[in-house]
Amino acid sequence: LERLRDGRVRVTAVGVLAAIWVLTTWTDRWASTEWLYYRSRYSELDVS
């Protein structure tokens, strides 16, 4: 965990969260909010 203190890692961390922000703009296209709860069977989510 000490490796996370590196300054370059922190800069990368900002980029990662920004990328997740962009990715979740289209959550409903590739998944749905229900997927984020990890609680439903795949059969209930109407996908193969």
ModelCIF file with pLDDT and N, C-alpha, C, O atoms, coordinates in Angstrom:
data_MODEL
#
_entry.id   MODEL 
#
_entity.id                         1 
_entity.type                       polymer 
_entity.pdbx_number_of_molecules   1 
#
_entity_poly.entity_id                      1 
_entity_poly.type                           'polypeptide(L)' 
_entity_poly.nstd_linkage                   no 
_entity_poly.nstd_monomer                   no 
_entity_poly.pdbx_seq_one_letter_code       LERLRDGRVRVTAVGVLAAIWVLTTWTDRWASTEWLYYRSRYSELDVS 
_entity_poly.pdbx_seq_one_letter_code_can   LERLRDGRVRVTAVGVLAAIWVLTTWTDRWASTEWLYYRSRYSELDVS 
_entity_poly.pdbx_strand_id                 A 
#
loop_
_entity_poly_seq.entity_id 
_entity_poly_seq.num 
_entity_poly_seq.mon_id 
_entity_poly_seq.hetero 
1 1  LEU n 
1 2  GLU n 
1 3  ARG n 
1 4  LEU n 
1 5  ARG n 
1 6  ASP n 
1 7  GLY n 
1 8  ARG n 
1 9  VAL n 
1 10 ARG n 
1 11 VAL n 
1 12 THR n 
1 13 ALA n 
1 14 VAL n 
1 15 GLY n 
1 16 VAL n 
1 17 LEU n 
1 18 ALA n 
1 19 ALA n 
1 20 ILE n 
1 21 TRP n 
1 22 VAL n 
1 23 LEU n 
1 24 THR n 
1 25 THR n 
1 26 TRP n 
1 27 THR n 
1 28 ASP n 
1 29 ARG n 
1 30 TRP n 
1 31 ALA n 
1 32 SER n 
1 33 THR n 
1 34 GLU n 
1 35 TRP n 
1 36 LEU n 
1 37 TYR n 
1 38 TYR n 
1 39 ARG n 
1 40 SER n 
1 41 ARG n 
1 42 TYR n 
1 43 SER n 
1 44 GLU n 
1 45 LEU n 
1 46 ASP n 
1 47 VAL n 
1 48 SER n 
#
_struct_asym.id          A 
_struct_asym.entity_id   1 
#
loop_
_ma_qa_metric.id 
_ma_qa_metric.mode 
_ma_qa_metric.name 
_ma_qa_metric.software_group_id 
_ma_qa_metric.type 
1 global pLDDT . pLDDT 
2 local  pLDDT . pLDDT 
#
_ma_qa_metric_global.metric_id      1 
_ma_qa_metric_global.metric_value   91.29 
_ma_qa_metric_global.model_id       1 
_ma_qa_metric_global.ordinal_id     1 
#
loop_
_ma_qa_metric_local.label_asym_id 
_ma_qa_metric_local.label_comp_id 
_ma_qa_metric_local.label_seq_id 
_ma_qa_metric_local.metric_id 
_ma_qa_metric_local.metric_value 
_ma_qa_metric_local.model_id 
_ma_qa_metric_local.ordinal_id 
A LEU 1  2 90.00 1 1  
A GLU 2  2 89.00 1 2  
A ARG 3  2 90.00 1 3  
A LEU 4  2 90.00 1 4  
A ARG 5  2 84.00 1 5  
A ASP 6  2 88.00 1 6  
A GLY 7  2 88.00 1 7  
A ARG 8  2 92.00 1 8  
A VAL 9  2 94.00 1 9  
A ARG 10 2 94.00 1 10 
A VAL 11 2 95.00 1 11 
A THR 12 2 96.00 1 12 
A ALA 13 2 97.00 1 13 
A VAL 14 2 97.00 1 14 
A GLY 15 2 97.00 1 15 
A VAL 16 2 98.00 1 16 
A LEU 17 2 98.00 1 17 
A ALA 18 2 98.00 1 18 
A ALA 19 2 97.00 1 19 
A ILE 20 2 97.00 1 20 
A TRP 21 2 97.00 1 21 
A VAL 22 2 96.00 1 22 
A LEU 23 2 94.00 1 23 
A THR 24 2 94.00 1 24 
A THR 25 2 92.00 1 25 
A TRP 26 2 87.00 1 26 
A THR 27 2 84.00 1 27 
A ASP 28 2 79.00 1 28 
A ARG 29 2 82.00 1 29 
A TRP 30 2 82.00 1 30 
A ALA 31 2 83.00 1 31 
A SER 32 2 88.00 1 32 
A THR 33 2 91.00 1 33 
A GLU 34 2 93.00 1 34 
A TRP 35 2 94.00 1 35 
A LEU 36 2 94.00 1 36 
A TYR 37 2 94.00 1 37 
A TYR 38 2 94.00 1 38 
A ARG 39 2 91.00 1 39 
A SER 40 2 90.00 1 40 
A ARG 41 2 91.00 1 41 
A TYR 42 2 92.00 1 42 
A SER 43 2 89.00 1 43 
A GLU 44 2 90.00 1 44 
A LEU 45 2 89.00 1 45 
A ASP 46 2 84.00 1 46 
A VAL 47 2 88.00 1 47 
A SER 48 2 91.00 1 48 
#
loop_
_atom_site.group_PDB 
_atom_site.id 
_atom_site.type_symbol 
_atom_site.label_atom_id 
_atom_site.label_alt_id 
_atom_site.label_comp_id 
_atom_site.label_asym_id 
_atom_site.label_entity_id 
_atom_site.label_seq_id 
_atom_site.pdbx_PDB_ins_code 
_atom_site.Cartn_x 
_atom_site.Cartn_y 
_atom_site.Cartn_z 
_atom_site.occupancy 
_atom_site.B_iso_or_equiv 
_atom_site.pdbx_formal_charge 
_atom_site.auth_seq_id 
_atom_site.auth_comp_id 
_atom_site.auth_asym_id 
_atom_site.auth_atom_id 
_atom_site.pdbx_PDB_model_num 
ATOM 1   N N  . LEU A 1 1  ? 0.819   -1.204  0.000   1.00 90.00 ? 1  LEU A N  1 
ATOM 2   C CA . LEU A 1 1  ? 0.000   0.000   0.000   1.00 90.00 ? 1  LEU A CA 1 
ATOM 3   C C  . LEU A 1 1  ? 0.858   1.261   0.000   1.00 90.00 ? 1  LEU A C  1 
ATOM 4   O O  . LEU A 1 1  ? 0.411   2.323   -0.434  1.00 90.00 ? 1  LEU A O  1 
ATOM 5   N N  . GLU A 1 2  ? 2.092   1.140   0.488   1.00 89.00 ? 2  GLU A N  1 
ATOM 6   C CA . GLU A 1 2  ? 2.989   2.290   0.519   1.00 89.00 ? 2  GLU A CA 1 
ATOM 7   C C  . GLU A 1 2  ? 3.292   2.799   -0.888  1.00 89.00 ? 2  GLU A C  1 
ATOM 8   O O  . GLU A 1 2  ? 3.610   3.974   -1.070  1.00 89.00 ? 2  GLU A O  1 
ATOM 9   N N  . ARG A 1 3  ? 3.195   1.928   -1.871  1.00 90.00 ? 3  ARG A N  1 
ATOM 10  C CA . ARG A 1 3  ? 3.478   2.336   -3.253  1.00 90.00 ? 3  ARG A CA 1 
ATOM 11  C C  . ARG A 1 3  ? 2.474   3.371   -3.751  1.00 90.00 ? 3  ARG A C  1 
ATOM 12  O O  . ARG A 1 3  ? 2.758   4.120   -4.686  1.00 90.00 ? 3  ARG A O  1 
ATOM 13  N N  . LEU A 1 4  ? 1.301   3.410   -3.123  1.00 90.00 ? 4  LEU A N  1 
ATOM 14  C CA . LEU A 1 4  ? 0.285   4.367   -3.541  1.00 90.00 ? 4  LEU A CA 1 
ATOM 15  C C  . LEU A 1 4  ? 0.652   5.797   -3.166  1.00 90.00 ? 4  LEU A C  1 
ATOM 16  O O  . LEU A 1 4  ? -0.011  6.737   -3.606  1.00 90.00 ? 4  LEU A O  1 
ATOM 17  N N  . ARG A 1 5  ? 1.695   5.977   -2.362  1.00 84.00 ? 5  ARG A N  1 
ATOM 18  C CA . ARG A 1 5  ? 2.095   7.320   -1.943  1.00 84.00 ? 5  ARG A CA 1 
ATOM 19  C C  . ARG A 1 5  ? 2.901   8.039   -3.012  1.00 84.00 ? 5  ARG A C  1 
ATOM 20  O O  . ARG A 1 5  ? 3.094   9.252   -2.928  1.00 84.00 ? 5  ARG A O  1 
ATOM 21  N N  . ASP A 1 6  ? 3.370   7.316   -4.007  1.00 88.00 ? 6  ASP A N  1 
ATOM 22  C CA . ASP A 1 6  ? 4.176   7.924   -5.058  1.00 88.00 ? 6  ASP A CA 1 
ATOM 23  C C  . ASP A 1 6  ? 3.374   9.016   -5.779  1.00 88.00 ? 6  ASP A C  1 
ATOM 24  O O  . ASP A 1 6  ? 2.195   8.832   -6.080  1.00 88.00 ? 6  ASP A O  1 
ATOM 25  N N  . GLY A 1 7  ? 4.023   10.145  -6.050  1.00 88.00 ? 7  GLY A N  1 
ATOM 26  C CA . GLY A 1 7  ? 3.338   11.263  -6.696  1.00 88.00 ? 7  GLY A CA 1 
ATOM 27  C C  . GLY A 1 7  ? 2.780   10.913  -8.051  1.00 88.00 ? 7  GLY A C  1 
ATOM 28  O O  . GLY A 1 7  ? 1.702   11.380  -8.418  1.00 88.00 ? 7  GLY A O  1 
ATOM 29  N N  . ARG A 1 8  ? 3.499   10.095  -8.806  1.00 92.00 ? 8  ARG A N  1 
ATOM 30  C CA . ARG A 1 8  ? 3.013   9.697   -10.129 1.00 92.00 ? 8  ARG A CA 1 
ATOM 31  C C  . ARG A 1 8  ? 1.759   8.845   -10.029 1.00 92.00 ? 8  ARG A C  1 
ATOM 32  O O  . ARG A 1 8  ? 0.880   8.915   -10.888 1.00 92.00 ? 8  ARG A O  1 
ATOM 33  N N  . VAL A 1 9  ? 1.680   8.030   -8.963  1.00 94.00 ? 9  VAL A N  1 
ATOM 34  C CA . VAL A 1 9  ? 0.491   7.204   -8.763  1.00 94.00 ? 9  VAL A CA 1 
ATOM 35  C C  . VAL A 1 9  ? -0.728  8.091   -8.483  1.00 94.00 ? 9  VAL A C  1 
ATOM 36  O O  . VAL A 1 9  ? -1.831  7.806   -8.948  1.00 94.00 ? 9  VAL A O  1 
ATOM 37  N N  . ARG A 1 10 ? -0.521  9.156   -7.729  1.00 94.00 ? 10 ARG A N  1 
ATOM 38  C CA . ARG A 1 10 ? -1.627  10.055  -7.415  1.00 94.00 ? 10 ARG A CA 1 
ATOM 39  C C  . ARG A 1 10 ? -2.139  10.759  -8.664  1.00 94.00 ? 10 ARG A C  1 
ATOM 40  O O  . ARG A 1 10 ? -3.345  10.933  -8.837  1.00 94.00 ? 10 ARG A O  1 
ATOM 41  N N  . VAL A 1 11 ? -1.226  11.159  -9.523  1.00 95.00 ? 11 VAL A N  1 
ATOM 42  C CA . VAL A 1 11 ? -1.651  11.778  -10.779 1.00 95.00 ? 11 VAL A CA 1 
ATOM 43  C C  . VAL A 1 11 ? -2.441  10.782  -11.615 1.00 95.00 ? 11 VAL A C  1 
ATOM 44  O O  . VAL A 1 11 ? -3.470  11.121  -12.200 1.00 95.00 ? 11 VAL A O  1 
ATOM 45  N N  . THR A 1 12 ? -1.948  9.550   -11.665 1.00 96.00 ? 12 THR A N  1 
ATOM 46  C CA . THR A 1 12 ? -2.663  8.501   -12.402 1.00 96.00 ? 12 THR A CA 1 
ATOM 47  C C  . THR A 1 12 ? -4.029  8.245   -11.793 1.00 96.00 ? 12 THR A C  1 
ATOM 48  O O  . THR A 1 12 ? -4.993  7.985   -12.513 1.00 96.00 ? 12 THR A O  1 
ATOM 49  N N  . ALA A 1 13 ? -4.118  8.317   -10.453 1.00 97.00 ? 13 ALA A N  1 
ATOM 50  C CA . ALA A 1 13 ? -5.390  8.075   -9.769  1.00 97.00 ? 13 ALA A CA 1 
ATOM 51  C C  . ALA A 1 13 ? -6.460  9.066   -10.206 1.00 97.00 ? 13 ALA A C  1 
ATOM 52  O O  . ALA A 1 13 ? -7.618  8.697   -10.398 1.00 97.00 ? 13 ALA A O  1 
ATOM 53  N N  . VAL A 1 14 ? -6.066  10.326  -10.362 1.00 97.00 ? 14 VAL A N  1 
ATOM 54  C CA . VAL A 1 14 ? -7.017  11.335  -10.837 1.00 97.00 ? 14 VAL A CA 1 
ATOM 55  C C  . VAL A 1 14 ? -7.514  10.958  -12.234 1.00 97.00 ? 14 VAL A C  1 
ATOM 56  O O  . VAL A 1 14 ? -8.704  11.059  -12.532 1.00 97.00 ? 14 VAL A O  1 
ATOM 57  N N  . GLY A 1 15 ? -6.584  10.523  -13.079 1.00 97.00 ? 15 GLY A N  1 
ATOM 58  C CA . GLY A 1 15 ? -6.969  10.108  -14.425 1.00 97.00 ? 15 GLY A CA 1 
ATOM 59  C C  . GLY A 1 15 ? -7.896  8.903   -14.421 1.00 97.00 ? 15 GLY A C  1 
ATOM 60  O O  . GLY A 1 15 ? -8.826  8.825   -15.223 1.00 97.00 ? 15 GLY A O  1 
ATOM 61  N N  . VAL A 1 16 ? -7.637  7.951   -13.500 1.00 98.00 ? 16 VAL A N  1 
ATOM 62  C CA . VAL A 1 16 ? -8.494  6.757   -13.414 1.00 98.00 ? 16 VAL A CA 1 
ATOM 63  C C  . VAL A 1 16 ? -9.923  7.136   -13.021 1.00 98.00 ? 16 VAL A C  1 
ATOM 64  O O  . VAL A 1 16 ? -10.883 6.667   -13.633 1.00 98.00 ? 16 VAL A O  1 
ATOM 65  N N  . LEU A 1 17 ? -10.059 7.973   -12.012 1.00 98.00 ? 17 LEU A N  1 
ATOM 66  C CA . LEU A 1 17 ? -11.404 8.385   -11.593 1.00 98.00 ? 17 LEU A CA 1 
ATOM 67  C C  . LEU A 1 17 ? -12.096 9.193   -12.677 1.00 98.00 ? 17 LEU A C  1 
ATOM 68  O O  . LEU A 1 17 ? -13.311 9.094   -12.844 1.00 98.00 ? 17 LEU A O  1 
ATOM 69  N N  . ALA A 1 18 ? -11.339 9.988   -13.409 1.00 98.00 ? 18 ALA A N  1 
ATOM 70  C CA . ALA A 1 18 ? -11.928 10.727  -14.530 1.00 98.00 ? 18 ALA A CA 1 
ATOM 71  C C  . ALA A 1 18 ? -12.419 9.765   -15.607 1.00 98.00 ? 18 ALA A C  1 
ATOM 72  O O  . ALA A 1 18 ? -13.482 9.966   -16.194 1.00 98.00 ? 18 ALA A O  1 
ATOM 73  N N  . ALA A 1 19 ? -11.635 8.722   -15.858 1.00 97.00 ? 19 ALA A N  1 
ATOM 74  C CA . ALA A 1 19 ? -12.042 7.726   -16.856 1.00 97.00 ? 19 ALA A CA 1 
ATOM 75  C C  . ALA A 1 19 ? -13.302 6.987   -16.418 1.00 97.00 ? 19 ALA A C  1 
ATOM 76  O O  . ALA A 1 19 ? -14.182 6.719   -17.236 1.00 97.00 ? 19 ALA A O  1 
ATOM 77  N N  . ILE A 1 20 ? -13.391 6.656   -15.133 1.00 97.00 ? 20 ILE A N  1 
ATOM 78  C CA . ILE A 1 20 ? -14.594 5.992   -14.624 1.00 97.00 ? 20 ILE A CA 1 
ATOM 79  C C  . ILE A 1 20 ? -15.793 6.925   -14.734 1.00 97.00 ? 20 ILE A C  1 
ATOM 80  O O  . ILE A 1 20 ? -16.903 6.480   -15.024 1.00 97.00 ? 20 ILE A O  1 
ATOM 81  N N  . TRP A 1 21 ? -15.573 8.222   -14.502 1.00 97.00 ? 21 TRP A N  1 
ATOM 82  C CA . TRP A 1 21 ? -16.659 9.199   -14.654 1.00 97.00 ? 21 TRP A CA 1 
ATOM 83  C C  . TRP A 1 21 ? -17.189 9.184   -16.094 1.00 97.00 ? 21 TRP A C  1 
ATOM 84  O O  . TRP A 1 21 ? -18.399 9.199   -16.320 1.00 97.00 ? 21 TRP A O  1 
ATOM 85  N N  . VAL A 1 22 ? -16.272 9.156   -17.053 1.00 96.00 ? 22 VAL A N  1 
ATOM 86  C CA . VAL A 1 22 ? -16.690 9.117   -18.458 1.00 96.00 ? 22 VAL A CA 1 
ATOM 87  C C  . VAL A 1 22 ? -17.387 7.791   -18.762 1.00 96.00 ? 22 VAL A C  1 
ATOM 88  O O  . VAL A 1 22 ? -18.424 7.766   -19.424 1.00 96.00 ? 22 VAL A O  1 
ATOM 89  N N  . LEU A 1 23 ? -16.812 6.690   -18.277 1.00 94.00 ? 23 LEU A N  1 
ATOM 90  C CA . LEU A 1 23 ? -17.374 5.368   -18.549 1.00 94.00 ? 23 LEU A CA 1 
ATOM 91  C C  . LEU A 1 23 ? -18.788 5.241   -18.020 1.00 94.00 ? 23 LEU A C  1 
ATOM 92  O O  . LEU A 1 23 ? -19.650 4.661   -18.681 1.00 94.00 ? 23 LEU A O  1 
ATOM 93  N N  . THR A 1 24 ? -19.036 5.777   -16.834 1.00 94.00 ? 24 THR A N  1 
ATOM 94  C CA . THR A 1 24 ? -20.369 5.643   -16.244 1.00 94.00 ? 24 THR A CA 1 
ATOM 95  C C  . THR A 1 24 ? -21.385 6.590   -16.877 1.00 94.00 ? 24 THR A C  1 
ATOM 96  O O  . THR A 1 24 ? -22.560 6.571   -16.511 1.00 94.00 ? 24 THR A O  1 
ATOM 97  N N  . THR A 1 25 ? -20.948 7.405   -17.809 1.00 92.00 ? 25 THR A N  1 
ATOM 98  C CA . THR A 1 25 ? -21.908 8.198   -18.585 1.00 92.00 ? 25 THR A CA 1 
ATOM 99  C C  . THR A 1 25 ? -22.814 7.280   -19.387 1.00 92.00 ? 25 THR A C  1 
ATOM 100 O O  . THR A 1 25 ? -23.976 7.598   -19.638 1.00 92.00 ? 25 THR A O  1 
ATOM 101 N N  . TRP A 1 26 ? -22.264 6.126   -19.789 1.00 87.00 ? 26 TRP A N  1 
ATOM 102 C CA . TRP A 1 26 ? -23.009 5.181   -20.625 1.00 87.00 ? 26 TRP A CA 1 
ATOM 103 C C  . TRP A 1 26 ? -23.273 3.870   -19.889 1.00 87.00 ? 26 TRP A C  1 
ATOM 104 O O  . TRP A 1 26 ? -23.304 2.806   -20.508 1.00 87.00 ? 26 TRP A O  1 
ATOM 105 N N  . THR A 1 27 ? -23.461 3.940   -18.579 1.00 84.00 ? 27 THR A N  1 
ATOM 106 C CA . THR A 1 27 ? -23.683 2.711   -17.808 1.00 84.00 ? 27 THR A CA 1 
ATOM 107 C C  . THR A 1 27 ? -24.832 1.895   -18.377 1.00 84.00 ? 27 THR A C  1 
ATOM 108 O O  . THR A 1 27 ? -24.724 0.676   -18.512 1.00 84.00 ? 27 THR A O  1 
ATOM 109 N N  . ASP A 1 28 ? -25.925 2.557   -18.708 1.00 79.00 ? 28 ASP A N  1 
ATOM 110 C CA . ASP A 1 28 ? -27.102 1.821   -19.166 1.00 79.00 ? 28 ASP A CA 1 
ATOM 111 C C  . ASP A 1 28 ? -26.921 1.181   -20.538 1.00 79.00 ? 28 ASP A C  1 
ATOM 112 O O  . ASP A 1 28 ? -27.753 0.374   -20.953 1.00 79.00 ? 28 ASP A O  1 
ATOM 113 N N  . ARG A 1 29 ? -25.858 1.524   -21.243 1.00 82.00 ? 29 ARG A N  1 
ATOM 114 C CA . ARG A 1 29 ? -25.620 0.910   -22.545 1.00 82.00 ? 29 ARG A CA 1 
ATOM 115 C C  . ARG A 1 29 ? -24.881 -0.416  -22.428 1.00 82.00 ? 29 ARG A C  1 
ATOM 116 O O  . ARG A 1 29 ? -25.114 -1.335  -23.212 1.00 82.00 ? 29 ARG A O  1 
ATOM 117 N N  . TRP A 1 30 ? -23.993 -0.509  -21.448 1.00 82.00 ? 30 TRP A N  1 
ATOM 118 C CA . TRP A 1 30 ? -23.216 -1.747  -21.328 1.00 82.00 ? 30 TRP A CA 1 
ATOM 119 C C  . TRP A 1 30 ? -23.555 -2.530  -20.063 1.00 82.00 ? 30 TRP A C  1 
ATOM 120 O O  . TRP A 1 30 ? -23.155 -3.686  -19.922 1.00 82.00 ? 30 TRP A O  1 
ATOM 121 N N  . ALA A 1 31 ? -24.276 -1.917  -19.162 1.00 83.00 ? 31 ALA A N  1 
ATOM 122 C CA . ALA A 1 31 ? -24.758 -2.587  -17.947 1.00 83.00 ? 31 ALA A CA 1 
ATOM 123 C C  . ALA A 1 31 ? -25.949 -1.760  -17.460 1.00 83.00 ? 31 ALA A C  1 
ATOM 124 O O  . ALA A 1 31 ? -26.523 -0.985  -18.225 1.00 83.00 ? 31 ALA A O  1 
ATOM 125 N N  . SER A 1 32 ? -26.309 -1.922  -16.214 1.00 88.00 ? 32 SER A N  1 
ATOM 126 C CA . SER A 1 32 ? -27.333 -1.081  -15.599 1.00 88.00 ? 32 SER A CA 1 
ATOM 127 C C  . SER A 1 32 ? -26.937 -0.876  -14.153 1.00 88.00 ? 32 SER A C  1 
ATOM 128 O O  . SER A 1 32 ? -26.034 -1.544  -13.649 1.00 88.00 ? 32 SER A O  1 
ATOM 129 N N  . THR A 1 33 ? -27.608 0.043   -13.486 1.00 91.00 ? 33 THR A N  1 
ATOM 130 C CA . THR A 1 33 ? -27.262 0.328   -12.090 1.00 91.00 ? 33 THR A CA 1 
ATOM 131 C C  . THR A 1 33 ? -27.359 -0.932  -11.231 1.00 91.00 ? 33 THR A C  1 
ATOM 132 O O  . THR A 1 33 ? -26.576 -1.107  -10.297 1.00 91.00 ? 33 THR A O  1 
ATOM 133 N N  . GLU A 1 34 ? -28.310 -1.802  -11.539 1.00 93.00 ? 34 GLU A N  1 
ATOM 134 C CA . GLU A 1 34 ? -28.486 -3.020  -10.749 1.00 93.00 ? 34 GLU A CA 1 
ATOM 135 C C  . GLU A 1 34 ? -27.219 -3.868  -10.716 1.00 93.00 ? 34 GLU A C  1 
ATOM 136 O O  . GLU A 1 34 ? -26.963 -4.551  -9.725  1.00 93.00 ? 34 GLU A O  1 
ATOM 137 N N  . TRP A 1 35 ? -26.426 -3.835  -11.781 1.00 94.00 ? 35 TRP A N  1 
ATOM 138 C CA . TRP A 1 35 ? -25.177 -4.592  -11.807 1.00 94.00 ? 35 TRP A CA 1 
ATOM 139 C C  . TRP A 1 35 ? -24.217 -4.140  -10.715 1.00 94.00 ? 35 TRP A C  1 
ATOM 140 O O  . TRP A 1 35 ? -23.426 -4.939  -10.214 1.00 94.00 ? 35 TRP A O  1 
ATOM 141 N N  . LEU A 1 36 ? -24.282 -2.877  -10.346 1.00 94.00 ? 36 LEU A N  1 
ATOM 142 C CA . LEU A 1 36 ? -23.333 -2.318  -9.389  1.00 94.00 ? 36 LEU A CA 1 
ATOM 143 C C  . LEU A 1 36 ? -23.582 -2.799  -7.968  1.00 94.00 ? 36 LEU A C  1 
ATOM 144 O O  . LEU A 1 36 ? -22.745 -2.596  -7.088  1.00 94.00 ? 36 LEU A O  1 
ATOM 145 N N  . TYR A 1 37 ? -24.727 -3.436  -7.737  1.00 94.00 ? 37 TYR A N  1 
ATOM 146 C CA . TYR A 1 37 ? -25.046 -3.944  -6.405  1.00 94.00 ? 37 TYR A CA 1 
ATOM 147 C C  . TYR A 1 37 ? -24.525 -5.370  -6.194  1.00 94.00 ? 37 TYR A C  1 
ATOM 148 O O  . TYR A 1 37 ? -24.453 -5.828  -5.054  1.00 94.00 ? 37 TYR A O  1 
ATOM 149 N N  . TYR A 1 38 ? -24.166 -6.070  -7.257  1.00 94.00 ? 38 TYR A N  1 
ATOM 150 C CA . TYR A 1 38 ? -23.639 -7.440  -7.159  1.00 94.00 ? 38 TYR A CA 1 
ATOM 151 C C  . TYR A 1 38 ? -24.627 -8.385  -6.461  1.00 94.00 ? 38 TYR A C  1 
ATOM 152 O O  . TYR A 1 38 ? -24.197 -9.319  -5.783  1.00 94.00 ? 38 TYR A O  1 
ATOM 153 N N  . ARG A 1 39 ? -25.919 -8.168  -6.610  1.00 91.00 ? 39 ARG A N  1 
ATOM 154 C CA . ARG A 1 39 ? -26.875 -8.953  -5.838  1.00 91.00 ? 39 ARG A CA 1 
ATOM 155 C C  . ARG A 1 39 ? -27.822 -9.793  -6.678  1.00 91.00 ? 39 ARG A C  1 
ATOM 156 O O  . ARG A 1 39 ? -28.490 -10.674 -6.136  1.00 91.00 ? 39 ARG A O  1 
ATOM 157 N N  . SER A 1 40 ? -27.904 -9.556  -7.967  1.00 90.00 ? 40 SER A N  1 
ATOM 158 C CA . SER A 1 40 ? -28.903 -10.236 -8.800  1.00 90.00 ? 40 SER A CA 1 
ATOM 159 C C  . SER A 1 40 ? -28.269 -11.370 -9.598  1.00 90.00 ? 40 SER A C  1 
ATOM 160 O O  . SER A 1 40 ? -27.106 -11.300 -9.996  1.00 90.00 ? 40 SER A O  1 
ATOM 161 N N  . ARG A 1 41 ? -29.050 -12.401 -9.818  1.00 91.00 ? 41 ARG A N  1 
ATOM 162 C CA . ARG A 1 41 ? -28.596 -13.461 -10.717 1.00 91.00 ? 41 ARG A CA 1 
ATOM 163 C C  . ARG A 1 41 ? -28.578 -12.933 -12.143 1.00 91.00 ? 41 ARG A C  1 
ATOM 164 O O  . ARG A 1 41 ? -29.336 -12.032 -12.503 1.00 91.00 ? 41 ARG A O  1 
ATOM 165 N N  . TYR A 1 42 ? -27.699 -13.513 -12.938 1.00 92.00 ? 42 TYR A N  1 
ATOM 166 C CA . TYR A 1 42 ? -27.612 -13.083 -14.330 1.00 92.00 ? 42 TYR A CA 1 
ATOM 167 C C  . TYR A 1 42 ? -28.943 -13.269 -15.051 1.00 92.00 ? 42 TYR A C  1 
ATOM 168 O O  . TYR A 1 42 ? -29.309 -12.473 -15.916 1.00 92.00 ? 42 TYR A O  1 
ATOM 169 N N  . SER A 1 43 ? -29.654 -14.317 -14.690 1.00 89.00 ? 43 SER A N  1 
ATOM 170 C CA . SER A 1 43 ? -30.927 -14.591 -15.360 1.00 89.00 ? 43 SER A CA 1 
ATOM 171 C C  . SER A 1 43 ? -31.949 -13.485 -15.124 1.00 89.00 ? 43 SER A C  1 
ATOM 172 O O  . SER A 1 43 ? -32.864 -13.307 -15.928 1.00 89.00 ? 43 SER A O  1 
ATOM 173 N N  . GLU A 1 44 ? -31.804 -12.749 -14.038 1.00 90.00 ? 44 GLU A N  1 
ATOM 174 C CA . GLU A 1 44 ? -32.725 -11.662 -13.734 1.00 90.00 ? 44 GLU A CA 1 
ATOM 175 C C  . GLU A 1 44 ? -32.381 -10.384 -14.482 1.00 90.00 ? 44 GLU A C  1 
ATOM 176 O O  . GLU A 1 44 ? -33.175 -9.443  -14.499 1.00 90.00 ? 44 GLU A O  1 
ATOM 177 N N  . LEU A 1 45 ? -31.194 -10.340 -15.107 1.00 89.00 ? 45 LEU A N  1 
ATOM 178 C CA . LEU A 1 45 ? -30.723 -9.125  -15.775 1.00 89.00 ? 45 LEU A CA 1 
ATOM 179 C C  . LEU A 1 45 ? -30.904 -9.181  -17.287 1.00 89.00 ? 45 LEU A C  1 
ATOM 180 O O  . LEU A 1 45 ? -30.472 -8.280  -18.007 1.00 89.00 ? 45 LEU A O  1 
ATOM 181 N N  . ASP A 1 46 ? -31.532 -10.225 -17.752 1.00 84.00 ? 46 ASP A N  1 
ATOM 182 C CA . ASP A 1 46 ? -31.946 -10.337 -19.158 1.00 84.00 ? 46 ASP A CA 1 
ATOM 183 C C  . ASP A 1 46 ? -30.773 -10.228 -20.131 1.00 84.00 ? 46 ASP A C  1 
ATOM 184 O O  . ASP A 1 46 ? -30.832 -9.501  -21.124 1.00 84.00 ? 46 ASP A O  1 
ATOM 185 N N  . VAL A 1 47 ? -29.704 -10.970 -19.821 1.00 88.00 ? 47 VAL A N  1 
ATOM 186 C CA . VAL A 1 47 ? -28.565 -11.050 -20.738 1.00 88.00 ? 47 VAL A CA 1 
ATOM 187 C C  . VAL A 1 47 ? -28.106 -12.501 -20.799 1.00 88.00 ? 47 VAL A C  1 
ATOM 188 O O  . VAL A 1 47 ? -28.446 -13.306 -19.933 1.00 88.00 ? 47 VAL A O  1 
ATOM 189 N N  . SER A 1 48 ? -27.341 -12.822 -21.817 1.00 91.00 ? 48 SER A N  1 
ATOM 190 C CA . SER A 1 48 ? -26.801 -14.172 -21.916 1.00 91.00 ? 48 SER A CA 1 
ATOM 191 C C  . SER A 1 48 ? -25.746 -14.392 -20.843 1.00 91.00 ? 48 SER A C  1 
ATOM 192 O O  . SER A 1 48 ? -25.168 -15.476 -20.759 1.00 91.00 ? 48 SER A O  1 
#
